[in-house]
mmCIF file of all heavy atoms, coordinates in Angstrom:
data_MODEL
# 
_entry.id   MODEL 
# 
loop_
_atom_site.group_PDB 
_atom_site.id 
_atom_site.type_symbol 
_atom_site.label_atom_id 
_atom_site.label_alt_id 
_atom_site.label_comp_id 
_atom_site.label_asym_id 
_atom_site.label_entity_id 
_atom_site.label_seq_id 
_atom_site.pdbx_PDB_ins_code 
_atom_site.Cartn_x 
_atom_site.Cartn_y 
_atom_site.Cartn_z 
_atom_site.occupancy 
_atom_site.B_iso_or_equiv 
_atom_site.pdbx_formal_charge 
_atom_site.auth_seq_id 
_atom_site.auth_comp_id 
_atom_site.auth_asym_id 
_atom_site.auth_atom_id 
_atom_site.pdbx_PDB_model_num 
ATOM 1   N N   . GLU A 1 1  ? 7.159   0.191  -15.847 1.00 0.00 ? 1  GLU A N   1 
ATOM 2   C CA  . GLU A 1 1  ? 7.522   -0.716 -14.752 1.00 0.00 ? 1  GLU A CA  1 
ATOM 3   C C   . GLU A 1 1  ? 7.320   -0.041 -13.390 1.00 0.00 ? 1  GLU A C   1 
ATOM 4   O O   . GLU A 1 1  ? 6.791   -0.655 -12.456 1.00 0.00 ? 1  GLU A O   1 
ATOM 5   C CB  . GLU A 1 1  ? 8.977   -1.154 -14.910 1.00 0.00 ? 1  GLU A CB  1 
ATOM 6   C CG  . GLU A 1 1  ? 9.422   -2.175 -13.865 1.00 0.00 ? 1  GLU A CG  1 
ATOM 7   C CD  . GLU A 1 1  ? 10.867  -2.606 -14.073 1.00 0.00 ? 1  GLU A CD  1 
ATOM 8   O OE1 . GLU A 1 1  ? 11.499  -2.145 -15.051 1.00 0.00 ? 1  GLU A OE1 1 
ATOM 9   O OE2 . GLU A 1 1  ? 11.352  -3.403 -13.258 1.00 0.00 ? 1  GLU A OE2 1 
ATOM 10  N N   . GLN A 1 2  ? 7.728   1.209  -13.283 1.00 0.00 ? 2  GLN A N   1 
ATOM 11  C CA  . GLN A 1 2  ? 7.551   1.941  -12.031 1.00 0.00 ? 2  GLN A CA  1 
ATOM 12  C C   . GLN A 1 2  ? 6.064   2.130  -11.713 1.00 0.00 ? 2  GLN A C   1 
ATOM 13  O O   . GLN A 1 2  ? 5.645   2.003  -10.558 1.00 0.00 ? 2  GLN A O   1 
ATOM 14  C CB  . GLN A 1 2  ? 8.243   3.304  -12.112 1.00 0.00 ? 2  GLN A CB  1 
ATOM 15  C CG  . GLN A 1 2  ? 9.747   3.248  -12.058 1.00 0.00 ? 2  GLN A CG  1 
ATOM 16  C CD  . GLN A 1 2  ? 10.365  4.619  -12.318 1.00 0.00 ? 2  GLN A CD  1 
ATOM 17  O OE1 . GLN A 1 2  ? 9.936   5.361  -13.211 1.00 0.00 ? 2  GLN A OE1 1 
ATOM 18  N NE2 . GLN A 1 2  ? 11.371  4.965  -11.531 1.00 0.00 ? 2  GLN A NE2 1 
ATOM 19  N N   . TYR A 1 3  ? 5.277   2.430  -12.740 1.00 0.00 ? 3  TYR A N   1 
ATOM 20  C CA  . TYR A 1 3  ? 3.851   2.649  -12.519 1.00 0.00 ? 3  TYR A CA  1 
ATOM 21  C C   . TYR A 1 3  ? 3.160   1.361  -12.073 1.00 0.00 ? 3  TYR A C   1 
ATOM 22  O O   . TYR A 1 3  ? 2.287   1.383  -11.193 1.00 0.00 ? 3  TYR A O   1 
ATOM 23  C CB  . TYR A 1 3  ? 3.193   3.202  -13.779 1.00 0.00 ? 3  TYR A CB  1 
ATOM 24  C CG  . TYR A 1 3  ? 1.785   3.696  -13.539 1.00 0.00 ? 3  TYR A CG  1 
ATOM 25  C CD1 . TYR A 1 3  ? 1.559   4.967  -13.033 1.00 0.00 ? 3  TYR A CD1 1 
ATOM 26  C CD2 . TYR A 1 3  ? 0.692   2.875  -13.795 1.00 0.00 ? 3  TYR A CD2 1 
ATOM 27  C CE1 . TYR A 1 3  ? 0.270   5.421  -12.790 1.00 0.00 ? 3  TYR A CE1 1 
ATOM 28  C CE2 . TYR A 1 3  ? -0.604  3.322  -13.555 1.00 0.00 ? 3  TYR A CE2 1 
ATOM 29  C CZ  . TYR A 1 3  ? -0.805  4.594  -13.054 1.00 0.00 ? 3  TYR A CZ  1 
ATOM 30  O OH  . TYR A 1 3  ? -2.082  5.032  -12.806 1.00 0.00 ? 3  TYR A OH  1 
ATOM 31  N N   . THR A 1 4  ? 3.554   0.244  -12.665 1.00 0.00 ? 4  THR A N   1 
ATOM 32  C CA  . THR A 1 4  ? 3.007   -1.054 -12.245 1.00 0.00 ? 4  THR A CA  1 
ATOM 33  C C   . THR A 1 4  ? 3.359   -1.329 -10.797 1.00 0.00 ? 4  THR A C   1 
ATOM 34  O O   . THR A 1 4  ? 2.529   -1.815 -10.020 1.00 0.00 ? 4  THR A O   1 
ATOM 35  C CB  . THR A 1 4  ? 3.541   -2.180 -13.147 1.00 0.00 ? 4  THR A CB  1 
ATOM 36  O OG1 . THR A 1 4  ? 3.108   -1.943 -14.492 1.00 0.00 ? 4  THR A OG1 1 
ATOM 37  C CG2 . THR A 1 4  ? 3.034   -3.539 -12.694 1.00 0.00 ? 4  THR A CG2 1 
ATOM 38  N N   . HIS A 1 5  ? 4.581   -0.997 -10.413 1.00 0.00 ? 5  HIS A N   1 
ATOM 39  C CA  . HIS A 1 5  ? 5.004   -1.185 -9.024  1.00 0.00 ? 5  HIS A CA  1 
ATOM 40  C C   . HIS A 1 5  ? 4.192   -0.276 -8.097  1.00 0.00 ? 5  HIS A C   1 
ATOM 41  O O   . HIS A 1 5  ? 3.793   -0.696 -6.998  1.00 0.00 ? 5  HIS A O   1 
ATOM 42  C CB  . HIS A 1 5  ? 6.496   -0.909 -8.868  1.00 0.00 ? 5  HIS A CB  1 
ATOM 43  C CG  . HIS A 1 5  ? 7.035   -1.255 -7.520  1.00 0.00 ? 5  HIS A CG  1 
ATOM 44  N ND1 . HIS A 1 5  ? 6.944   -2.515 -6.974  1.00 0.00 ? 5  HIS A ND1 1 
ATOM 45  C CD2 . HIS A 1 5  ? 7.661   -0.498 -6.573  1.00 0.00 ? 5  HIS A CD2 1 
ATOM 46  C CE1 . HIS A 1 5  ? 7.482   -2.531 -5.771  1.00 0.00 ? 5  HIS A CE1 1 
ATOM 47  N NE2 . HIS A 1 5  ? 7.917   -1.306 -5.500  1.00 0.00 ? 5  HIS A NE2 1 
ATOM 48  N N   . PHE A 1 6  ? 3.934   0.950  -8.518  1.00 0.00 ? 6  PHE A N   1 
ATOM 49  C CA  . PHE A 1 6  ? 3.096   1.861  -7.742  1.00 0.00 ? 6  PHE A CA  1 
ATOM 50  C C   . PHE A 1 6  ? 1.724   1.242  -7.490  1.00 0.00 ? 6  PHE A C   1 
ATOM 51  O O   . PHE A 1 6  ? 1.221   1.231  -6.355  1.00 0.00 ? 6  PHE A O   1 
ATOM 52  C CB  . PHE A 1 6  ? 2.945   3.196  -8.478  1.00 0.00 ? 6  PHE A CB  1 
ATOM 53  C CG  . PHE A 1 6  ? 1.845   4.066  -7.956  1.00 0.00 ? 6  PHE A CG  1 
ATOM 54  C CD1 . PHE A 1 6  ? 1.992   4.761  -6.764  1.00 0.00 ? 6  PHE A CD1 1 
ATOM 55  C CD2 . PHE A 1 6  ? 0.649   4.179  -8.655  1.00 0.00 ? 6  PHE A CD2 1 
ATOM 56  C CE1 . PHE A 1 6  ? 0.967   5.558  -6.269  1.00 0.00 ? 6  PHE A CE1 1 
ATOM 57  C CE2 . PHE A 1 6  ? -0.382  4.974  -8.170  1.00 0.00 ? 6  PHE A CE2 1 
ATOM 58  C CZ  . PHE A 1 6  ? -0.223  5.667  -6.979  1.00 0.00 ? 6  PHE A CZ  1 
ATOM 59  N N   . GLN A 1 7  ? 1.108   0.708  -8.536  1.00 0.00 ? 7  GLN A N   1 
ATOM 60  C CA  . GLN A 1 7  ? -0.211  0.104  -8.387  1.00 0.00 ? 7  GLN A CA  1 
ATOM 61  C C   . GLN A 1 7  ? -0.179  -1.100 -7.444  1.00 0.00 ? 7  GLN A C   1 
ATOM 62  O O   . GLN A 1 7  ? -1.088  -1.279 -6.629  1.00 0.00 ? 7  GLN A O   1 
ATOM 63  C CB  . GLN A 1 7  ? -0.746  -0.320 -9.758  1.00 0.00 ? 7  GLN A CB  1 
ATOM 64  C CG  . GLN A 1 7  ? -1.083  0.864  -10.659 1.00 0.00 ? 7  GLN A CG  1 
ATOM 65  C CD  . GLN A 1 7  ? -1.546  0.430  -12.023 1.00 0.00 ? 7  GLN A CD  1 
ATOM 66  O OE1 . GLN A 1 7  ? -0.923  -0.412 -12.673 1.00 0.00 ? 7  GLN A OE1 1 
ATOM 67  N NE2 . GLN A 1 7  ? -2.646  1.003  -12.475 1.00 0.00 ? 7  GLN A NE2 1 
ATOM 68  N N   . CYS A 1 8  ? 0.898   -1.897 -7.545  1.00 0.00 ? 8  CYS A N   1 
ATOM 69  C CA  . CYS A 1 8  ? 1.041   -3.054 -6.645  1.00 0.00 ? 8  CYS A CA  1 
ATOM 70  C C   . CYS A 1 8  ? 1.184   -2.603 -5.195  1.00 0.00 ? 8  CYS A C   1 
ATOM 71  O O   . CYS A 1 8  ? 0.625   -3.240 -4.279  1.00 0.00 ? 8  CYS A O   1 
ATOM 72  C CB  . CYS A 1 8  ? 2.247   -3.905 -7.052  1.00 0.00 ? 8  CYS A CB  1 
ATOM 73  S SG  . CYS A 1 8  ? 2.014   -4.823 -8.577  1.00 0.00 ? 8  CYS A SG  1 
ATOM 74  N N   . MET A 1 9  ? 1.919   -1.537 -4.966  1.00 0.00 ? 9  MET A N   1 
ATOM 75  C CA  . MET A 1 9  ? 2.083   -1.021 -3.604  1.00 0.00 ? 9  MET A CA  1 
ATOM 76  C C   . MET A 1 9  ? 0.752   -0.542 -3.042  1.00 0.00 ? 9  MET A C   1 
ATOM 77  O O   . MET A 1 9  ? 0.408   -0.829 -1.889  1.00 0.00 ? 9  MET A O   1 
ATOM 78  C CB  . MET A 1 9  ? 3.100   0.116  -3.584  1.00 0.00 ? 9  MET A CB  1 
ATOM 79  C CG  . MET A 1 9  ? 4.521   -0.332 -3.818  1.00 0.00 ? 9  MET A CG  1 
ATOM 80  S SD  . MET A 1 9  ? 5.672   0.992  -3.391  1.00 0.00 ? 9  MET A SD  1 
ATOM 81  C CE  . MET A 1 9  ? 5.489   1.041  -1.616  1.00 0.00 ? 9  MET A CE  1 
ATOM 82  N N   . ILE A 1 10 ? -0.007  0.196  -3.837  1.00 0.00 ? 10 ILE A N   1 
ATOM 83  C CA  . ILE A 1 10 ? -1.310  0.675  -3.376  1.00 0.00 ? 10 ILE A CA  1 
ATOM 84  C C   . ILE A 1 10 ? -2.238  -0.502 -3.096  1.00 0.00 ? 10 ILE A C   1 
ATOM 85  O O   . ILE A 1 10 ? -2.938  -0.528 -2.073  1.00 0.00 ? 10 ILE A O   1 
ATOM 86  C CB  . ILE A 1 10 ? -1.937  1.637  -4.406  1.00 0.00 ? 10 ILE A CB  1 
ATOM 87  C CG1 . ILE A 1 10 ? -1.081  2.898  -4.558  1.00 0.00 ? 10 ILE A CG1 1 
ATOM 88  C CG2 . ILE A 1 10 ? -3.367  1.975  -4.017  1.00 0.00 ? 10 ILE A CG2 1 
ATOM 89  C CD1 . ILE A 1 10 ? -0.861  3.683  -3.271  1.00 0.00 ? 10 ILE A CD1 1 
ATOM 90  N N   . ASP A 1 11 ? -2.227  -1.498 -3.970  1.00 0.00 ? 11 ASP A N   1 
ATOM 91  C CA  . ASP A 1 11 ? -3.042  -2.704 -3.746  1.00 0.00 ? 11 ASP A CA  1 
ATOM 92  C C   . ASP A 1 11 ? -2.666  -3.368 -2.423  1.00 0.00 ? 11 ASP A C   1 
ATOM 93  O O   . ASP A 1 11 ? -3.534  -3.850 -1.689  1.00 0.00 ? 11 ASP A O   1 
ATOM 94  C CB  . ASP A 1 11 ? -2.879  -3.694 -4.894  1.00 0.00 ? 11 ASP A CB  1 
ATOM 95  C CG  . ASP A 1 11 ? -3.550  -3.227 -6.180  1.00 0.00 ? 11 ASP A CG  1 
ATOM 96  O OD1 . ASP A 1 11 ? -4.385  -2.301 -6.113  1.00 0.00 ? 11 ASP A OD1 1 
ATOM 97  O OD2 . ASP A 1 11 ? -3.217  -3.778 -7.245  1.00 0.00 ? 11 ASP A OD2 1 
ATOM 98  N N   . HIS A 1 12 ? -1.376  -3.401 -2.123  1.00 0.00 ? 12 HIS A N   1 
ATOM 99  C CA  . HIS A 1 12 ? -0.916  -3.985 -0.858  1.00 0.00 ? 12 HIS A CA  1 
ATOM 100 C C   . HIS A 1 12 ? -1.455  -3.204 0.336   1.00 0.00 ? 12 HIS A C   1 
ATOM 101 O O   . HIS A 1 12 ? -1.974  -3.801 1.292   1.00 0.00 ? 12 HIS A O   1 
ATOM 102 C CB  . HIS A 1 12 ? 0.613   -4.014 -0.797  1.00 0.00 ? 12 HIS A CB  1 
ATOM 103 C CG  . HIS A 1 12 ? 1.136   -4.221 0.590   1.00 0.00 ? 12 HIS A CG  1 
ATOM 104 N ND1 . HIS A 1 12 ? 1.169   -5.467 1.193   1.00 0.00 ? 12 HIS A ND1 1 
ATOM 105 C CD2 . HIS A 1 12 ? 1.614   -3.348 1.508   1.00 0.00 ? 12 HIS A CD2 1 
ATOM 106 C CE1 . HIS A 1 12 ? 1.648   -5.344 2.425   1.00 0.00 ? 12 HIS A CE1 1 
ATOM 107 N NE2 . HIS A 1 12 ? 1.932   -4.074 2.636   1.00 0.00 ? 12 HIS A NE2 1 
ATOM 108 N N   . PHE A 1 13 ? -1.335  -1.885 0.299   1.00 0.00 ? 13 PHE A N   1 
ATOM 109 C CA  . PHE A 1 13 ? -1.813  -1.085 1.426   1.00 0.00 ? 13 PHE A CA  1 
ATOM 110 C C   . PHE A 1 13 ? -3.322  -1.220 1.601   1.00 0.00 ? 13 PHE A C   1 
ATOM 111 O O   . PHE A 1 13 ? -3.821  -1.249 2.733   1.00 0.00 ? 13 PHE A O   1 
ATOM 112 C CB  . PHE A 1 13 ? -1.414  0.385  1.252   1.00 0.00 ? 13 PHE A CB  1 
ATOM 113 C CG  . PHE A 1 13 ? -0.029  0.691  1.745   1.00 0.00 ? 13 PHE A CG  1 
ATOM 114 C CD1 . PHE A 1 13 ? 1.048   0.679  0.873   1.00 0.00 ? 13 PHE A CD1 1 
ATOM 115 C CD2 . PHE A 1 13 ? 0.206   0.975  3.085   1.00 0.00 ? 13 PHE A CD2 1 
ATOM 116 C CE1 . PHE A 1 13 ? 2.332   0.956  1.325   1.00 0.00 ? 13 PHE A CE1 1 
ATOM 117 C CE2 . PHE A 1 13 ? 1.488   1.245  3.549   1.00 0.00 ? 13 PHE A CE2 1 
ATOM 118 C CZ  . PHE A 1 13 ? 2.558   1.236  2.664   1.00 0.00 ? 13 PHE A CZ  1 
ATOM 119 N N   . ILE A 1 14 ? -4.050  -1.324 0.500   1.00 0.00 ? 14 ILE A N   1 
ATOM 120 C CA  . ILE A 1 14 ? -5.503  -1.518 0.599   1.00 0.00 ? 14 ILE A CA  1 
ATOM 121 C C   . ILE A 1 14 ? -5.821  -2.878 1.221   1.00 0.00 ? 14 ILE A C   1 
ATOM 122 O O   . ILE A 1 14 ? -6.638  -2.978 2.143   1.00 0.00 ? 14 ILE A O   1 
ATOM 123 C CB  . ILE A 1 14 ? -6.161  -1.386 -0.793  1.00 0.00 ? 14 ILE A CB  1 
ATOM 124 C CG1 . ILE A 1 14 ? -6.079  0.063  -1.294  1.00 0.00 ? 14 ILE A CG1 1 
ATOM 125 C CG2 . ILE A 1 14 ? -7.621  -1.852 -0.749  1.00 0.00 ? 14 ILE A CG2 1 
ATOM 126 C CD1 . ILE A 1 14 ? -6.502  0.249  -2.736  1.00 0.00 ? 14 ILE A CD1 1 
ATOM 127 N N   . ALA A 1 15 ? -5.160  -3.925 0.725   1.00 0.00 ? 15 ALA A N   1 
ATOM 128 C CA  . ALA A 1 15 ? -5.426  -5.282 1.207   1.00 0.00 ? 15 ALA A CA  1 
ATOM 129 C C   . ALA A 1 15 ? -4.985  -5.479 2.653   1.00 0.00 ? 15 ALA A C   1 
ATOM 130 O O   . ALA A 1 15 ? -5.606  -6.242 3.405   1.00 0.00 ? 15 ALA A O   1 
ATOM 131 C CB  . ALA A 1 15 ? -4.746  -6.305 0.300   1.00 0.00 ? 15 ALA A CB  1 
ATOM 132 N N   . CYS A 1 16 ? -3.925  -4.800 3.056   1.00 0.00 ? 16 CYS A N   1 
ATOM 133 C CA  . CYS A 1 16 ? -3.349  -4.992 4.400   1.00 0.00 ? 16 CYS A CA  1 
ATOM 134 C C   . CYS A 1 16 ? -3.576  -3.774 5.290   1.00 0.00 ? 16 CYS A C   1 
ATOM 135 O O   . CYS A 1 16 ? -2.804  -3.515 6.214   1.00 0.00 ? 16 CYS A O   1 
ATOM 136 C CB  . CYS A 1 16 ? -1.851  -5.285 4.280   1.00 0.00 ? 16 CYS A CB  1 
ATOM 137 S SG  . CYS A 1 16 ? -1.474  -6.724 3.279   1.00 0.00 ? 16 CYS A SG  1 
ATOM 138 N N   . ARG A 1 17 ? -4.635  -3.044 5.031   1.00 0.00 ? 17 ARG A N   1 
ATOM 139 C CA  . ARG A 1 17 ? -4.893  -1.781 5.738   1.00 0.00 ? 17 ARG A CA  1 
ATOM 140 C C   . ARG A 1 17 ? -4.873  -1.922 7.255   1.00 0.00 ? 17 ARG A C   1 
ATOM 141 O O   . ARG A 1 17 ? -4.398  -1.048 7.967   1.00 0.00 ? 17 ARG A O   1 
ATOM 142 C CB  . ARG A 1 17 ? -6.239  -1.238 5.284   1.00 0.00 ? 17 ARG A CB  1 
ATOM 143 C CG  . ARG A 1 17 ? -6.638  0.080  5.922   1.00 0.00 ? 17 ARG A CG  1 
ATOM 144 C CD  . ARG A 1 17 ? -7.916  0.621  5.283   1.00 0.00 ? 17 ARG A CD  1 
ATOM 145 N NE  . ARG A 1 17 ? -8.318  1.855  5.944   1.00 0.00 ? 17 ARG A NE  1 
ATOM 146 C CZ  . ARG A 1 17 ? -9.209  1.906  6.927   1.00 0.00 ? 17 ARG A CZ  1 
ATOM 147 N NH1 . ARG A 1 17 ? -9.782  0.792  7.364   1.00 0.00 ? 17 ARG A NH1 1 
ATOM 148 N NH2 . ARG A 1 17 ? -9.530  3.065  7.475   1.00 0.00 ? 17 ARG A NH2 1 
ATOM 149 N N   . LYS A 1 18 ? -5.362  -3.024 7.772   1.00 0.00 ? 18 LYS A N   1 
ATOM 150 C CA  . LYS A 1 18 ? -5.452  -3.205 9.226   1.00 0.00 ? 18 LYS A CA  1 
ATOM 151 C C   . LYS A 1 18 ? -4.087  -3.327 9.894   1.00 0.00 ? 18 LYS A C   1 
ATOM 152 O O   . LYS A 1 18 ? -3.975  -3.186 11.109  1.00 0.00 ? 18 LYS A O   1 
ATOM 153 C CB  . LYS A 1 18 ? -6.305  -4.430 9.555   1.00 0.00 ? 18 LYS A CB  1 
ATOM 154 C CG  . LYS A 1 18 ? -7.772  -4.229 9.218   1.00 0.00 ? 18 LYS A CG  1 
ATOM 155 C CD  . LYS A 1 18 ? -8.608  -5.427 9.611   1.00 0.00 ? 18 LYS A CD  1 
ATOM 156 C CE  . LYS A 1 18 ? -10.081 -5.190 9.287   1.00 0.00 ? 18 LYS A CE  1 
ATOM 157 N NZ  . LYS A 1 18 ? -10.906 -6.365 9.648   1.00 0.00 ? 18 LYS A NZ  1 
ATOM 158 N N   . LEU A 1 19 ? -3.046  -3.586 9.112   1.00 0.00 ? 19 LEU A N   1 
ATOM 159 C CA  . LEU A 1 19 ? -1.701  -3.680 9.677   1.00 0.00 ? 19 LEU A CA  1 
ATOM 160 C C   . LEU A 1 19 ? -1.110  -2.307 9.983   1.00 0.00 ? 19 LEU A C   1 
ATOM 161 O O   . LEU A 1 19 ? -0.161  -2.189 10.758  1.00 0.00 ? 19 LEU A O   1 
ATOM 162 C CB  . LEU A 1 19 ? -0.759  -4.397 8.706   1.00 0.00 ? 19 LEU A CB  1 
ATOM 163 C CG  . LEU A 1 19 ? -0.980  -5.876 8.444   1.00 0.00 ? 19 LEU A CG  1 
ATOM 164 C CD1 . LEU A 1 19 ? -0.012  -6.360 7.378   1.00 0.00 ? 19 LEU A CD1 1 
ATOM 165 C CD2 . LEU A 1 19 ? -0.818  -6.673 9.730   1.00 0.00 ? 19 LEU A CD2 1 
ATOM 166 N N   . TYR A 1 20 ? -1.666  -1.254 9.369   1.00 0.00 ? 20 TYR A N   1 
ATOM 167 C CA  . TYR A 1 20 ? -1.036  0.055  9.410   1.00 0.00 ? 20 TYR A CA  1 
ATOM 168 C C   . TYR A 1 20 ? -1.807  1.037  10.284  1.00 0.00 ? 20 TYR A C   1 
ATOM 169 O O   . TYR A 1 20 ? -3.019  0.932  10.450  1.00 0.00 ? 20 TYR A O   1 
ATOM 170 C CB  . TYR A 1 20 ? -0.920  0.616  7.991   1.00 0.00 ? 20 TYR A CB  1 
ATOM 171 C CG  . TYR A 1 20 ? 0.002   -0.212 7.123   1.00 0.00 ? 20 TYR A CG  1 
ATOM 172 C CD1 . TYR A 1 20 ? -0.499  -1.186 6.264   1.00 0.00 ? 20 TYR A CD1 1 
ATOM 173 C CD2 . TYR A 1 20 ? 1.379   -0.034 7.195   1.00 0.00 ? 20 TYR A CD2 1 
ATOM 174 C CE1 . TYR A 1 20 ? 0.356   -1.948 5.482   1.00 0.00 ? 20 TYR A CE1 1 
ATOM 175 C CE2 . TYR A 1 20 ? 2.236   -0.795 6.413   1.00 0.00 ? 20 TYR A CE2 1 
ATOM 176 C CZ  . TYR A 1 20 ? 1.718   -1.750 5.565   1.00 0.00 ? 20 TYR A CZ  1 
ATOM 177 O OH  . TYR A 1 20 ? 2.557   -2.504 4.800   1.00 0.00 ? 20 TYR A OH  1 
ATOM 178 N N   . SER A 1 21 ? -1.080  2.005  10.822  1.00 0.00 ? 21 SER A N   1 
ATOM 179 C CA  . SER A 1 21 ? -1.704  3.061  11.608  1.00 0.00 ? 21 SER A CA  1 
ATOM 180 C C   . SER A 1 21 ? -0.915  4.352  11.453  1.00 0.00 ? 21 SER A C   1 
ATOM 181 O O   . SER A 1 21 ? 0.201   4.364  10.931  1.00 0.00 ? 21 SER A O   1 
ATOM 182 C CB  . SER A 1 21 ? -1.800  2.663  13.085  1.00 0.00 ? 21 SER A CB  1 
ATOM 183 O OG  . SER A 1 21 ? -0.505  2.476  13.630  1.00 0.00 ? 21 SER A OG  1 
ATOM 184 N N   . TYR A 1 22 ? -1.529  5.428  11.918  1.00 0.00 ? 22 TYR A N   1 
ATOM 185 C CA  . TYR A 1 22 ? -0.916  6.753  11.864  1.00 0.00 ? 22 TYR A CA  1 
ATOM 186 C C   . TYR A 1 22 ? 0.130   6.874  12.969  1.00 0.00 ? 22 TYR A C   1 
ATOM 187 O O   . TYR A 1 22 ? -0.073  6.405  14.088  1.00 0.00 ? 22 TYR A O   1 
ATOM 188 C CB  . TYR A 1 22 ? -1.988  7.818  12.035  1.00 0.00 ? 22 TYR A CB  1 
ATOM 189 C CG  . TYR A 1 22 ? -1.532  9.213  11.716  1.00 0.00 ? 22 TYR A CG  1 
ATOM 190 C CD1 . TYR A 1 22 ? -1.560  9.691  10.407  1.00 0.00 ? 22 TYR A CD1 1 
ATOM 191 C CD2 . TYR A 1 22 ? -1.082  10.068 12.717  1.00 0.00 ? 22 TYR A CD2 1 
ATOM 192 C CE1 . TYR A 1 22 ? -1.156  10.981 10.111  1.00 0.00 ? 22 TYR A CE1 1 
ATOM 193 C CE2 . TYR A 1 22 ? -0.679  11.360 12.427  1.00 0.00 ? 22 TYR A CE2 1 
ATOM 194 C CZ  . TYR A 1 22 ? -0.714  11.803 11.118  1.00 0.00 ? 22 TYR A CZ  1 
ATOM 195 O OH  . TYR A 1 22 ? -0.297  13.077 10.828  1.00 0.00 ? 22 TYR A OH  1 
ATOM 196 N N   . SER A 1 23 ? 1.240   7.526  12.682  1.00 0.00 ? 23 SER A N   1 
ATOM 197 C CA  . SER A 1 23 ? 2.328   7.661  13.653  1.00 0.00 ? 23 SER A CA  1 
ATOM 198 C C   . SER A 1 23 ? 2.331   9.064  14.256  1.00 0.00 ? 23 SER A C   1 
ATOM 199 O O   . SER A 1 23 ? 2.845   10.004 13.646  1.00 0.00 ? 23 SER A O   1 
ATOM 200 C CB  . SER A 1 23 ? 3.673   7.380  12.983  1.00 0.00 ? 23 SER A CB  1 
ATOM 201 O OG  . SER A 1 23 ? 4.732   7.635  13.877  1.00 0.00 ? 23 SER A OG  1 
ATOM 202 N N   . LEU A 1 24 ? 1.751   9.201  15.452  1.00 0.00 ? 24 LEU A N   1 
ATOM 203 C CA  . LEU A 1 24 ? 1.788   10.502 16.124  1.00 0.00 ? 24 LEU A CA  1 
ATOM 204 C C   . LEU A 1 24 ? 3.217   10.926 16.427  1.00 0.00 ? 24 LEU A C   1 
ATOM 205 O O   . LEU A 1 24 ? 3.577   12.092 16.299  1.00 0.00 ? 24 LEU A O   1 
ATOM 206 C CB  . LEU A 1 24 ? 0.960   10.448 17.408  1.00 0.00 ? 24 LEU A CB  1 
ATOM 207 C CG  . LEU A 1 24 ? -0.557  10.305 17.199  1.00 0.00 ? 24 LEU A CG  1 
ATOM 208 C CD1 . LEU A 1 24 ? -1.268  10.111 18.528  1.00 0.00 ? 24 LEU A CD1 1 
ATOM 209 C CD2 . LEU A 1 24 ? -1.117  11.514 16.462  1.00 0.00 ? 24 LEU A CD2 1 
# 
């Protein structure tokens, strides 16, 4: 269950990459 959640989280970050940025 945890591993499936990990994969879902990574899929989210890939799909929504433009929402995120590096925090100086």
